[in-house]
Amino acid sequence: MNQRLRLGFESEMSQAFALYLAGELGAAFRHLERAHVLSQAHALPHLRVHVAMLRIGVARRDAREILGQWIRVLGAAPASLLGRYPRGNTGGANVHLMRPMPIPPDLEALLDGT
């Protein structure tokens, strides 16, 4: 992960964590979705996002999200290492595991060159 991408990823993760602590779980999850888009090609950051998404699922007592994130936690690092991930996918259980999605322009700019 290059420096620019790492800074963008860490910014999204930090914002998600602050919102999580403030009890703003929906807003926190949206930042995790953005972090997910940035992290897909990198095993450990990708796994980190899914663990954080799982925590929000638990906090919400959302059985669908909890189950979906457990599956994603198990597959995130191998998918990244094998290069088998759908570009732009936001990573929540509300989206199919392998569905490619459009990437917001600001995130696309960070992904250029990775």
PDB file of N, CA and C in Angstrom:
ATOM      1  N   MET A   1       0.866  -1.171   0.000  1.00  0.00           N
ATOM      2  CA  MET A   1       0.000   0.000   0.000  1.00  0.00           C
ATOM      3  C   MET A   1       0.912   1.234   0.000  1.00  0.00           C
ATOM      4  N   ASN A   2       0.733   2.081  -1.007  1.00  0.00           N
ATOM      5  CA  ASN A   2       1.573   3.270  -1.059  1.00  0.00           C
ATOM      6  C   ASN A   2       1.159   4.278   0.025  1.00  0.00           C
ATOM      7  N   GLN A   3       2.012   5.268   0.240  1.00  0.00           N
ATOM      8  CA  GLN A   3       1.808   6.246   1.323  1.00  0.00           C
ATOM      9  C   GLN A   3       0.466   6.975   1.210  1.00  0.00           C
ATOM     10  N   ARG A   4       0.150   7.428   0.012  1.00  0.00           N
ATOM     11  CA  ARG A   4      -1.096   8.185  -0.199  1.00  0.00           C
ATOM     12  C   ARG A   4      -2.326   7.325   0.094  1.00  0.00           C
ATOM     13  N   LEU A   5      -2.304   6.102  -0.385  1.00  0.00           N
ATOM     14  CA  LEU A   5      -3.409   5.180  -0.136  1.00  0.00           C
ATOM     15  C   LEU A   5      -3.499   4.851   1.355  1.00  0.00           C
ATOM     16  N   ARG A   6      -2.373   4.613   1.982  1.00  0.00           N
ATOM     17  CA  ARG A   6      -2.344   4.308   3.425  1.00  0.00           C
ATOM     18  C   ARG A   6      -2.947   5.459   4.234  1.00  0.00           C
ATOM     19  N   LEU A   7      -2.592   6.695   3.890  1.00  0.00           N
ATOM     20  CA  LEU A   7      -3.142   7.855   4.609  1.00  0.00           C
ATOM     21  C   LEU A   7      -4.650   7.960   4.423  1.00  0.00           C
ATOM     22  N   GLY A   8      -5.129   7.726   3.214  1.00  0.00           N
ATOM     23  CA  GLY A   8      -6.568   7.746   2.966  1.00  0.00           C
ATOM     24  C   GLY A   8      -7.281   6.656   3.735  1.00  0.00           C
ATOM     25  N   PHE A   9      -6.704   5.463   3.724  1.00  0.00           N
ATOM     26  CA  PHE A   9      -7.276   4.330   4.454  1.00  0.00           C
ATOM     27  C   PHE A   9      -7.324   4.620   5.950  1.00  0.00           C
ATOM     28  N   GLU A  10      -6.217   5.069   6.511  1.00  0.00           N
ATOM     29  CA  GLU A  10      -6.161   5.341   7.949  1.00  0.00           C
ATOM     30  C   GLU A  10      -7.105   6.473   8.339  1.00  0.00           C
ATOM     31  N   SER A  11      -7.279   7.447   7.468  1.00  0.00           N
ATOM     32  CA  SER A  11      -8.228   8.527   7.736  1.00  0.00           C
ATOM     33  C   SER A  11      -9.652   7.978   7.845  1.00  0.00           C
ATOM     34  N   GLU A  12     -10.027   7.126   6.909  1.00  0.00           N
ATOM     35  CA  GLU A  12     -11.376   6.533   6.951  1.00  0.00           C
ATOM     36  C   GLU A  12     -11.551   5.672   8.202  1.00  0.00           C
ATOM     37  N   MET A  13     -10.534   4.907   8.547  1.00  0.00           N
ATOM     38  CA  MET A  13     -10.613   4.056   9.739  1.00  0.00           C
ATOM     39  C   MET A  13     -10.711   4.901  11.016  1.00  0.00           C
ATOM     40  N   SER A  14      -9.939   5.965  11.097  1.00  0.00           N
ATOM     41  CA  SER A  14      -9.977   6.842  12.270  1.00  0.00           C
ATOM     42  C   SER A  14     -11.341   7.504  12.426  1.00  0.00           C
ATOM     43  N   GLN A  15     -11.883   7.980  11.314  1.00  0.00           N
ATOM     44  CA  GLN A  15     -13.205   8.599  11.365  1.00  0.00           C
ATOM     45  C   GLN A  15     -14.252   7.567  11.791  1.00  0.00           C
ATOM     46  N   ALA A  16     -14.150   6.363  11.265  1.00  0.00           N
ATOM     47  CA  ALA A  16     -15.092   5.303  11.640  1.00  0.00           C
ATOM     48  C   ALA A  16     -15.007   5.012  13.140  1.00  0.00           C
ATOM     49  N   PHE A  17     -13.800   4.933  13.662  1.00  0.00           N
ATOM     50  CA  PHE A  17     -13.617   4.616  15.075  1.00  0.00           C
ATOM     51  C   PHE A  17     -14.190   5.722  15.967  1.00  0.00           C
ATOM     52  N   ALA A  18     -13.922   6.969  15.615  1.00  0.00           N
ATOM     53  CA  ALA A  18     -14.451   8.089  16.405  1.00  0.00           C
ATOM     54  C   ALA A  18     -15.978   8.085  16.398  1.00  0.00           C
ATOM     55  N   LEU A  19     -16.575   7.829  15.251  1.00  0.00           N
ATOM     56  CA  LEU A  19     -18.037   7.781  15.161  1.00  0.00           C
ATOM     57  C   LEU A  19     -18.601   6.579  15.914  1.00  0.00           C
ATOM     58  N   TYR A  20     -17.895   5.454  15.858  1.00  0.00           N
ATOM     59  CA  TYR A  20     -18.298   4.257  16.615  1.00  0.00           C
ATOM     60  C   TYR A  20     -18.333   4.582  18.111  1.00  0.00           C
ATOM     61  N   LEU A  21     -17.288   5.226  18.597  1.00  0.00           N
ATOM     62  CA  LEU A  21     -17.236   5.585  20.021  1.00  0.00           C
ATOM     63  C   LEU A  21     -18.339   6.562  20.402  1.00  0.00           C
ATOM     64  N   ALA A  22     -18.740   7.410  19.462  1.00  0.00           N
ATOM     65  CA  ALA A  22     -19.807   8.385  19.707  1.00  0.00           C
ATOM     66  C   ALA A  22     -21.192   7.759  19.558  1.00  0.00           C
ATOM     67  N   GLY A  23     -21.236   6.485  19.210  1.00  0.00           N
ATOM     68  CA  GLY A  23     -22.517   5.794  19.055  1.00  0.00           C
ATOM     69  C   GLY A  23     -23.200   6.046  17.719  1.00  0.00           C
ATOM     70  N   GLU A  24     -22.490   6.664  16.799  1.00  0.00           N
ATOM     71  CA  GLU A  24     -23.052   6.951  15.467  1.00  0.00           C
ATOM     72  C   GLU A  24     -22.654   5.819  14.526  1.00  0.00           C
ATOM     73  N   LEU A  25     -23.336   4.691  14.705  1.00  0.00           N
ATOM     74  CA  LEU A  25     -22.924   3.465  14.030  1.00  0.00           C
ATOM     75  C   LEU A  25     -23.136   3.511  12.525  1.00  0.00           C
ATOM     76  N   GLY A  26     -24.213   4.136  12.061  1.00  0.00           N
ATOM     77  CA  GLY A  26     -24.457   4.239  10.625  1.00  0.00           C
ATOM     78  C   GLY A  26     -23.367   5.027   9.925  1.00  0.00           C
ATOM     79  N   ALA A  27     -23.008   6.161  10.493  1.00  0.00           N
ATOM     80  CA  ALA A  27     -21.950   6.993   9.911  1.00  0.00           C
ATOM     81  C   ALA A  27     -20.608   6.270   9.987  1.00  0.00           C
ATOM     82  N   ALA A  28     -20.360   5.584  11.085  1.00  0.00           N
ATOM     83  CA  ALA A  28     -19.116   4.819  11.223  1.00  0.00           C
ATOM     84  C   ALA A  28     -19.035   3.750  10.140  1.00  0.00           C
ATOM     85  N   PHE A  29     -20.140   3.060   9.899  1.00  0.00           N
ATOM     86  CA  PHE A  29     -20.153   1.997   8.905  1.00  0.00           C
ATOM     87  C   PHE A  29     -19.879   2.556   7.510  1.00  0.00           C
ATOM     88  N   ARG A  30     -20.405   3.731   7.206  1.00  0.00           N
ATOM     89  CA  ARG A  30     -20.154   4.345   5.888  1.00  0.00           C
ATOM     90  C   ARG A  30     -18.661   4.615   5.683  1.00  0.00           C
ATOM     91  N   HIS A  31     -17.961   5.025   6.729  1.00  0.00           N
ATOM     92  CA  HIS A  31     -16.513   5.224   6.604  1.00  0.00           C
ATOM     93  C   HIS A  31     -15.792   3.883   6.447  1.00  0.00           C
ATOM     94  N   LEU A  32     -16.308   2.851   7.091  1.00  0.00           N
ATOM     95  CA  LEU A  32     -15.707   1.526   6.913  1.00  0.00           C
ATOM     96  C   LEU A  32     -15.914   1.020   5.487  1.00  0.00           C
ATOM     97  N   GLU A  33     -17.057   1.323   4.899  1.00  0.00           N
ATOM     98  CA  GLU A  33     -17.284   0.935   3.508  1.00  0.00           C
ATOM     99  C   GLU A  33     -16.255   1.602   2.599  1.00  0.00           C
ATOM    100  N   ARG A  34     -15.978   2.857   2.858  1.00  0.00           N
ATOM    101  CA  ARG A  34     -14.967   3.580   2.065  1.00  0.00           C
ATOM    102  C   ARG A  34     -13.574   2.985   2.314  1.00  0.00           C
ATOM    103  N   ALA A  35     -13.274   2.669   3.556  1.00  0.00           N
ATOM    104  CA  ALA A  35     -11.993   2.036   3.881  1.00  0.00           C
ATOM    105  C   ALA A  35     -11.883   0.676   3.189  1.00  0.00           C
ATOM    106  N   HIS A  36     -13.002  -0.026   3.096  1.00  0.00           N
ATOM    107  CA  HIS A  36     -13.004  -1.332   2.443  1.00  0.00           C
ATOM    108  C   HIS A  36     -12.596  -1.215   0.981  1.00  0.00           C
ATOM    109  N   VAL A  37     -13.168  -0.248   0.298  1.00  0.00           N
ATOM    110  CA  VAL A  37     -12.822  -0.037  -1.113  1.00  0.00           C
ATOM    111  C   VAL A  37     -11.314   0.190  -1.255  1.00  0.00           C
ATOM    112  N   LEU A  38     -10.743   0.930  -0.341  1.00  0.00           N
ATOM    113  CA  LEU A  38      -9.310   1.232  -0.404  1.00  0.00           C
ATOM    114  C   LEU A  38      -8.435   0.047  -0.021  1.00  0.00           C
ATOM    115  N   SER A  39      -8.957  -0.864   0.765  1.00  0.00           N
ATOM    116  CA  SER A  39      -8.121  -1.921   1.348  1.00  0.00           C
ATOM    117  C   SER A  39      -8.159  -3.256   0.618  1.00  0.00           C
ATOM    118  N   GLN A  40      -9.044  -3.426  -0.321  1.00  0.00           N
ATOM    119  CA  GLN A  40      -9.275  -4.765  -0.882  1.00  0.00           C
ATOM    120  C   GLN A  40      -8.035  -5.481  -1.392  1.00  0.00           C
ATOM    121  N   ALA A  41      -7.103  -4.782  -1.946  1.00  0.00           N
ATOM    122  CA  ALA A  41      -5.910  -5.425  -2.510  1.00  0.00           C
ATOM    123  C   ALA A  41      -4.840  -5.728  -1.464  1.00  0.00           C
ATOM    124  N   HIS A  42      -5.101  -5.408  -0.211  1.00  0.00           N
ATOM    125  CA  HIS A  42      -4.093  -5.521   0.844  1.00  0.00           C
ATOM    126  C   HIS A  42      -4.652  -6.342   2.003  1.00  0.00           C
ATOM    127  N   ALA A  43      -4.108  -7.520   2.202  1.00  0.00           N
ATOM    128  CA  ALA A  43      -4.681  -8.526   3.098  1.00  0.00           C
ATOM    129  C   ALA A  43      -4.972  -8.023   4.516  1.00  0.00           C
ATOM    130  N   LEU A  44      -4.001  -7.483   5.200  1.00  0.00           N
ATOM    131  CA  LEU A  44      -4.221  -7.102   6.599  1.00  0.00           C
ATOM    132  C   LEU A  44      -5.174  -5.916   6.754  1.00  0.00           C
ATOM    133  N   PRO A  45      -5.026  -4.842   5.977  1.00  0.00           N
ATOM    134  CA  PRO A  45      -6.018  -3.769   6.079  1.00  0.00           C
ATOM    135  C   PRO A  45      -7.422  -4.248   5.725  1.00  0.00           C
ATOM    136  N   HIS A  46      -7.532  -5.102   4.714  1.00  0.00           N
ATOM    137  CA  HIS A  46      -8.832  -5.646   4.308  1.00  0.00           C
ATOM    138  C   HIS A  46      -9.470  -6.419   5.466  1.00  0.00           C
ATOM    139  N   LEU A  47      -8.689  -7.262   6.105  1.00  0.00           N
ATOM    140  CA  LEU A  47      -9.169  -8.012   7.260  1.00  0.00           C
ATOM    141  C   LEU A  47      -9.575  -7.067   8.390  1.00  0.00           C
ATOM    142  N   ARG A  48      -8.780  -6.048   8.616  1.00  0.00           N
ATOM    143  CA  ARG A  48      -9.062  -5.064   9.674  1.00  0.00           C
ATOM    144  C   ARG A  48     -10.428  -4.397   9.478  1.00  0.00           C
ATOM    145  N   VAL A  49     -10.749  -4.055   8.243  1.00  0.00           N
ATOM    146  CA  VAL A  49     -12.044  -3.433   7.949  1.00  0.00           C
ATOM    147  C   VAL A  49     -13.183  -4.397   8.284  1.00  0.00           C
ATOM    148  N   HIS A  50     -13.048  -5.648   7.885  1.00  0.00           N
ATOM    149  CA  HIS A  50     -14.130  -6.602   8.144  1.00  0.00           C
ATOM    150  C   HIS A  50     -14.310  -6.876   9.641  1.00  0.00           C
ATOM    151  N   VAL A  51     -13.236  -6.880  10.395  1.00  0.00           N
ATOM    152  CA  VAL A  51     -13.361  -7.037  11.850  1.00  0.00           C
ATOM    153  C   VAL A  51     -14.110  -5.833  12.433  1.00  0.00           C
ATOM    154  N   ALA A  52     -13.795  -4.646  11.957  1.00  0.00           N
ATOM    155  CA  ALA A  52     -14.496  -3.443  12.430  1.00  0.00           C
ATOM    156  C   ALA A  52     -15.969  -3.474  12.030  1.00  0.00           C
ATOM    157  N   MET A  53     -16.264  -3.944  10.827  1.00  0.00           N
ATOM    158  CA  MET A  53     -17.661  -4.078  10.399  1.00  0.00           C
ATOM    159  C   MET A  53     -18.398  -5.093  11.278  1.00  0.00           C
ATOM    160  N   LEU A  54     -17.706  -6.162  11.629  1.00  0.00           N
ATOM    161  CA  LEU A  54     -18.298  -7.165  12.523  1.00  0.00           C
ATOM    162  C   LEU A  54     -18.635  -6.539  13.874  1.00  0.00           C
ATOM    163  N   ARG A  55     -17.748  -5.709  14.397  1.00  0.00           N
ATOM    164  CA  ARG A  55     -18.009  -5.037  15.688  1.00  0.00           C
ATOM    165  C   ARG A  55     -19.276  -4.188  15.608  1.00  0.00           C
ATOM    166  N   ILE A  56     -19.465  -3.506  14.498  1.00  0.00           N
ATOM    167  CA  ILE A  56     -20.680  -2.685  14.353  1.00  0.00           C
ATOM    168  C   ILE A  56     -21.900  -3.591  14.242  1.00  0.00           C
ATOM    169  N   GLY A  57     -21.780  -4.692  13.524  1.00  0.00           N
ATOM    170  CA  GLY A  57     -22.883  -5.648  13.456  1.00  0.00           C
ATOM    171  C   GLY A  57     -23.282  -6.145  14.835  1.00  0.00           C
ATOM    172  N   VAL A  58     -22.281  -6.432  15.668  1.00  0.00           N
ATOM    173  CA  VAL A  58     -22.548  -6.889  17.041  1.00  0.00           C
ATOM    174  C   VAL A  58     -23.207  -5.763  17.843  1.00  0.00           C
ATOM    175  N   ALA A  59     -22.681  -4.552  17.721  1.00  0.00           N
ATOM    176  CA  ALA A  59     -23.246  -3.418  18.460  1.00  0.00           C
ATOM    177  C   ALA A  59     -24.697  -3.159  18.066  1.00  0.00           C
ATOM    178  N   ARG A  60     -25.012  -3.407  16.816  1.00  0.00           N
ATOM    179  CA  ARG A  60     -26.392  -3.215  16.332  1.00  0.00           C
ATOM    180  C   ARG A  60     -27.279  -4.434  16.589  1.00  0.00           C
ATOM    181  N   ARG A  61     -26.657  -5.523  17.003  1.00  0.00           N
ATOM    182  CA  ARG A  61     -27.361  -6.799  17.165  1.00  0.00           C
ATOM    183  C   ARG A  61     -28.029  -7.212  15.852  1.00  0.00           C
ATOM    184  N   ASP A  62     -27.279  -7.050  14.778  1.00  0.00           N
ATOM    185  CA  ASP A  62     -27.749  -7.319  13.423  1.00  0.00           C
ATOM    186  C   ASP A  62     -27.222  -8.690  12.985  1.00  0.00           C
ATOM    187  N   ALA A  63     -28.066  -9.709  13.109  1.00  0.00           N
ATOM    188  CA  ALA A  63     -27.650 -11.082  12.831  1.00  0.00           C
ATOM    189  C   ALA A  63     -27.141 -11.250  11.402  1.00  0.00           C
ATOM    190  N   ARG A  64     -27.788 -10.600  10.442  1.00  0.00           N
ATOM    191  CA  ARG A  64     -27.358 -10.719   9.047  1.00  0.00           C
ATOM    192  C   ARG A  64     -25.944 -10.157   8.869  1.00  0.00           C
ATOM    193  N   GLU A  65     -25.688  -9.000   9.466  1.00  0.00           N
ATOM    194  CA  GLU A  65     -24.365  -8.392   9.343  1.00  0.00           C
ATOM    195  C   GLU A  65     -23.318  -9.225  10.067  1.00  0.00           C
ATOM    196  N   ILE A  66     -23.659  -9.740  11.236  1.00  0.00           N
ATOM    197  CA  ILE A  66     -22.712 -10.561  11.994  1.00  0.00           C
ATOM    198  C   ILE A  66     -22.311 -11.793  11.183  1.00  0.00           C
ATOM    199  N   LEU A  67     -23.295 -12.512  10.666  1.00  0.00           N
ATOM    200  CA  LEU A  67     -22.998 -13.707   9.872  1.00  0.00           C
ATOM    201  C   LEU A  67     -22.213 -13.334   8.613  1.00  0.00           C
ATOM    202  N   GLY A  68     -22.666 -12.297   7.920  1.00  0.00           N
ATOM    203  CA  GLY A  68     -21.984 -11.869   6.705  1.00  0.00           C
ATOM    204  C   GLY A  68     -20.546 -11.464   6.956  1.00  0.00           C
ATOM    205  N   GLN A  69     -20.313 -10.796   8.061  1.00  0.00           N
ATOM    206  CA  GLN A  69     -18.945 -10.363   8.366  1.00  0.00           C
ATOM    207  C   GLN A  69     -18.074 -11.527   8.822  1.00  0.00           C
ATOM    208  N   TRP A  70     -18.627 -12.513   9.512  1.00  0.00           N
ATOM    209  CA  TRP A  70     -17.825 -13.692   9.878  1.00  0.00           C
ATOM    210  C   TRP A  70     -17.319 -14.371   8.619  1.00  0.00           C
ATOM    211  N   ILE A  71     -18.197 -14.509   7.635  1.00  0.00           N
ATOM    212  CA  ILE A  71     -17.796 -15.118   6.366  1.00  0.00           C
ATOM    213  C   ILE A  71     -16.702 -14.279   5.712  1.00  0.00           C
ATOM    214  N   ARG A  72     -16.873 -12.971   5.726  1.00  0.00           N
ATOM    215  CA  ARG A  72     -15.903 -12.069   5.103  1.00  0.00           C
ATOM    216  C   ARG A  72     -14.585 -12.037   5.876  1.00  0.00           C
ATOM    217  N   VAL A  73     -14.634 -12.112   7.203  1.00  0.00           N
ATOM    218  CA  VAL A  73     -13.403 -12.154   8.003  1.00  0.00           C
ATOM    219  C   VAL A  73     -12.573 -13.376   7.600  1.00  0.00           C
ATOM    220  N   LEU A  74     -13.240 -14.502   7.400  1.00  0.00           N
ATOM    221  CA  LEU A  74     -12.519 -15.721   7.019  1.00  0.00           C
ATOM    222  C   LEU A  74     -11.918 -15.636   5.619  1.00  0.00           C
ATOM    223  N   GLY A  75     -12.588 -14.907   4.716  1.00  0.00           N
ATOM    224  CA  GLY A  75     -12.136 -14.880   3.338  1.00  0.00           C
ATOM    225  C   GLY A  75     -11.366 -13.654   2.905  1.00  0.00           C
ATOM    226  N   ALA A  76     -11.343 -12.602   3.723  1.00  0.00           N
ATOM    227  CA  ALA A  76     -10.757 -11.326   3.293  1.00  0.00           C
ATOM    228  C   ALA A  76      -9.273 -11.440   2.933  1.00  0.00           C
ATOM    229  N   ALA A  77      -8.470 -11.950   3.837  1.00  0.00           N
ATOM    230  CA  ALA A  77      -7.026 -12.009   3.579  1.00  0.00           C
ATOM    231  C   ALA A  77      -6.702 -12.935   2.400  1.00  0.00           C
ATOM    232  N   PRO A  78      -7.269 -14.140   2.354  1.00  0.00           N
ATOM    233  CA  PRO A  78      -6.985 -14.990   1.178  1.00  0.00           C
ATOM    234  C   PRO A  78      -7.430 -14.347  -0.138  1.00  0.00           C
ATOM    235  N   ALA A  79      -8.593 -13.697  -0.140  1.00  0.00           N
ATOM    236  CA  ALA A  79      -9.071 -13.049  -1.367  1.00  0.00           C
ATOM    237  C   ALA A  79      -8.097 -11.961  -1.813  1.00  0.00           C
ATOM    238  N   SER A  80      -7.608 -11.177  -0.870  1.00  0.00           N
ATOM    239  CA  SER A  80      -6.641 -10.127  -1.207  1.00  0.00           C
ATOM    240  C   SER A  80      -5.351 -10.727  -1.753  1.00  0.00           C
ATOM    241  N   LEU A  81      -4.860 -11.738  -1.089  1.00  0.00           N
ATOM    242  CA  LEU A  81      -3.595 -12.354  -1.504  1.00  0.00           C
ATOM    243  C   LEU A  81      -3.697 -12.994  -2.886  1.00  0.00           C
ATOM    244  N   LEU A  82      -4.876 -13.524  -3.207  1.00  0.00           N
ATOM    245  CA  LEU A  82      -5.089 -14.163  -4.504  1.00  0.00           C
ATOM    246  C   LEU A  82      -5.561 -13.188  -5.582  1.00  0.00           C
ATOM    247  N   GLY A  83      -5.833 -11.947  -5.180  1.00  0.00           N
ATOM    248  CA  GLY A  83      -6.320 -10.961  -6.140  1.00  0.00           C
ATOM    249  C   GLY A  83      -7.738 -11.234  -6.607  1.00  0.00           C
ATOM    250  N   ARG A  84      -8.523 -11.915  -5.786  1.00  0.00           N
ATOM    251  CA  ARG A  84      -9.895 -12.289  -6.145  1.00  0.00           C
ATOM    252  C   ARG A  84     -10.880 -11.514  -5.288  1.00  0.00           C
ATOM    253  N   TYR A  85     -11.105 -10.291  -5.678  1.00  0.00           N
ATOM    254  CA  TYR A  85     -12.051  -9.436  -4.972  1.00  0.00           C
ATOM    255  C   TYR A  85     -12.719  -8.539  -5.999  1.00  0.00           C
ATOM    256  N   PRO A  86     -13.961  -8.164  -5.760  1.00  0.00           N
ATOM    257  CA  PRO A  86     -14.678  -7.311  -6.708  1.00  0.00           C
ATOM    258  C   PRO A  86     -14.360  -5.843  -6.469  1.00  0.00           C
ATOM    259  N   ARG A  87     -13.720  -5.234  -7.415  1.00  0.00           N
ATOM    260  CA  ARG A  87     -13.284  -3.839  -7.286  1.00  0.00           C
ATOM    261  C   ARG A  87     -14.470  -2.939  -6.948  1.00  0.00           C
ATOM    262  N   GLY A  88     -14.283  -2.119  -5.923  1.00  0.00           N
ATOM    263  CA  GLY A  88     -15.301  -1.157  -5.527  1.00  0.00           C
ATOM    264  C   GLY A  88     -16.340  -1.675  -4.553  1.00  0.00           C
ATOM    265  N   ASN A  89     -16.367  -2.974  -4.314  1.00  0.00           N
ATOM    266  CA  ASN A  89     -17.351  -3.548  -3.403  1.00  0.00           C
ATOM    267  C   ASN A  89     -17.190  -2.916  -2.014  1.00  0.00           C
ATOM    268  N   THR A  90     -18.308  -2.535  -1.401  1.00  0.00           N
ATOM    269  CA  THR A  90     -18.257  -1.817  -0.129  1.00  0.00           C
ATOM    270  C   THR A  90     -18.144  -2.726   1.099  1.00  0.00           C
ATOM    271  N   GLY A  91     -18.296  -4.032   0.935  1.00  0.00           N
ATOM    272  CA  GLY A  91     -17.960  -4.969   1.993  1.00  0.00           C
ATOM    273  C   GLY A  91     -19.016  -5.297   3.023  1.00  0.00           C
ATOM    274  N   GLY A  92     -20.161  -4.637   3.005  1.00  0.00           N
ATOM    275  CA  GLY A  92     -21.212  -4.947   3.968  1.00  0.00           C
ATOM    276  C   GLY A  92     -21.990  -6.189   3.559  1.00  0.00           C
ATOM    277  N   ALA A  93     -22.696  -6.757   4.505  1.00  0.00           N
ATOM    278  CA  ALA A  93     -23.487  -7.956   4.235  1.00  0.00           C
ATOM    279  C   ALA A  93     -24.691  -7.666   3.340  1.00  0.00           C
ATOM    280  N   ASN A  94     -24.984  -6.393   3.121  1.00  0.00           N
ATOM    281  CA  ASN A  94     -26.093  -6.028   2.248  1.00  0.00           C
ATOM    282  C   ASN A  94     -25.704  -6.083   0.770  1.00  0.00           C
ATOM    283  N   VAL A  95     -24.435  -6.400   0.491  1.00  0.00           N
ATOM    284  CA  VAL A  95     -23.928  -6.464  -0.877  1.00  0.00           C
ATOM    285  C   VAL A  95     -23.326  -7.848  -1.099  1.00  0.00           C
ATOM    286  N   HIS A  96     -23.608  -8.468  -2.246  1.00  0.00           N
ATOM    287  CA  HIS A  96     -23.031  -9.776  -2.555  1.00  0.00           C
ATOM    288  C   HIS A  96     -21.505  -9.707  -2.512  1.00  0.00           C
ATOM    289  N   LEU A  97     -20.908 -10.755  -2.002  1.00  0.00           N
ATOM    290  CA  LEU A  97     -19.450 -10.842  -1.841  1.00  0.00           C
ATOM    291  C   LEU A  97     -18.663 -10.488  -3.100  1.00  0.00           C
ATOM    292  N   MET A  98     -19.154 -10.874  -4.241  1.00  0.00           N
ATOM    293  CA  MET A  98     -18.381 -10.737  -5.473  1.00  0.00           C
ATOM    294  C   MET A  98     -18.948  -9.689  -6.436  1.00  0.00           C
ATOM    295  N   ARG A  99     -19.760  -8.776  -5.940  1.00  0.00           N
ATOM    296  CA  ARG A  99     -20.349  -7.756  -6.803  1.00  0.00           C
ATOM    297  C   ARG A  99     -19.432  -6.539  -6.950  1.00  0.00           C
ATOM    298  N   PRO A 100     -18.928  -6.287  -8.159  1.00  0.00           N
ATOM    299  CA  PRO A 100     -18.163  -5.053  -8.365  1.00  0.00           C
ATOM    300  C   PRO A 100     -19.101  -3.856  -8.273  1.00  0.00           C
ATOM    301  N   MET A 101     -18.585  -2.741  -7.819  1.00  0.00           N
ATOM    302  CA  MET A 101     -19.396  -1.539  -7.647  1.00  0.00           C
ATOM    303  C   MET A 101     -18.605  -0.325  -8.127  1.00  0.00           C
ATOM    304  N   PRO A 102     -19.328   0.742  -8.481  1.00  0.00           N
ATOM    305  CA  PRO A 102     -18.622   1.970  -8.875  1.00  0.00           C
ATOM    306  C   PRO A 102     -17.818   2.523  -7.696  1.00  0.00           C
ATOM    307  N   ILE A 103     -16.704   3.137  -8.024  1.00  0.00           N
ATOM    308  CA  ILE A 103     -15.827   3.701  -6.997  1.00  0.00           C
ATOM    309  C   ILE A 103     -15.977   5.217  -7.005  1.00  0.00           C
ATOM    310  N   PRO A 104     -16.232   5.816  -5.831  1.00  0.00           N
ATOM    311  CA  PRO A 104     -16.307   7.278  -5.779  1.00  0.00           C
ATOM    312  C   PRO A 104     -15.010   7.906  -6.314  1.00  0.00           C
ATOM    313  N   PRO A 105     -15.129   9.019  -7.031  1.00  0.00           N
ATOM    314  CA  PRO A 105     -13.944   9.640  -7.647  1.00  0.00           C
ATOM    315  C   PRO A 105     -12.804   9.936  -6.671  1.00  0.00           C
ATOM    316  N   ASP A 106     -13.121  10.365  -5.445  1.00  0.00           N
ATOM    317  CA  ASP A 106     -12.040  10.673  -4.498  1.00  0.00           C
ATOM    318  C   ASP A 106     -11.273   9.417  -4.092  1.00  0.00           C
ATOM    319  N   LEU A 107     -11.971   8.287  -4.004  1.00  0.00           N
ATOM    320  CA  LEU A 107     -11.288   7.033  -3.673  1.00  0.00           C
ATOM    321  C   LEU A 107     -10.532   6.497  -4.885  1.00  0.00           C
ATOM    322  N   GLU A 108     -11.117   6.656  -6.056  1.00  0.00           N
ATOM    323  CA  GLU A 108     -10.445   6.220  -7.293  1.00  0.00           C
ATOM    324  C   GLU A 108      -9.104   6.939  -7.430  1.00  0.00           C
ATOM    325  N   ALA A 109      -9.071   8.210  -7.081  1.00  0.00           N
ATOM    326  CA  ALA A 109      -7.821   8.979  -7.160  1.00  0.00           C
ATOM    327  C   ALA A 109      -6.767   8.391  -6.229  1.00  0.00           C
ATOM    328  N   LEU A 110      -7.179   7.908  -5.073  1.00  0.00           N
ATOM    329  CA  LEU A 110      -6.230   7.281  -4.140  1.00  0.00           C
ATOM    330  C   LEU A 110      -5.775   5.911  -4.640  1.00  0.00           C
ATOM    331  N   LEU A 111      -6.660   5.213  -5.332  1.00  0.00           N
ATOM    332  CA  LEU A 111      -6.325   3.877  -5.833  1.00  0.00           C
ATOM    333  C   LEU A 111      -5.435   3.911  -7.067  1.00  0.00           C
ATOM    334  N   ASP A 112      -5.431   5.011  -7.783  1.00  0.00           N
ATOM    335  CA  ASP A 112      -4.551   5.127  -8.959  1.00  0.00           C
ATOM    336  C   ASP A 112      -3.106   4.913  -8.542  1.00  0.00           C
ATOM    337  N   GLY A 113      -2.458   4.018  -9.228  1.00  0.00           N
ATOM    338  CA  GLY A 113      -1.052   3.755  -8.927  1.00  0.00           C
ATOM    339  C   GLY A 113      -0.825   2.657  -7.911  1.00  0.00           C
ATOM    340  N   THR A 114      -1.903   1.968  -7.479  1.00  0.00           N
ATOM    341  CA  THR A 114      -1.698   0.865  -6.516  1.00  0.00           C
ATOM    342  C   THR A 114      -1.618  -0.449  -7.223  1.00  0.00           C
TER     343      THR A 114
END
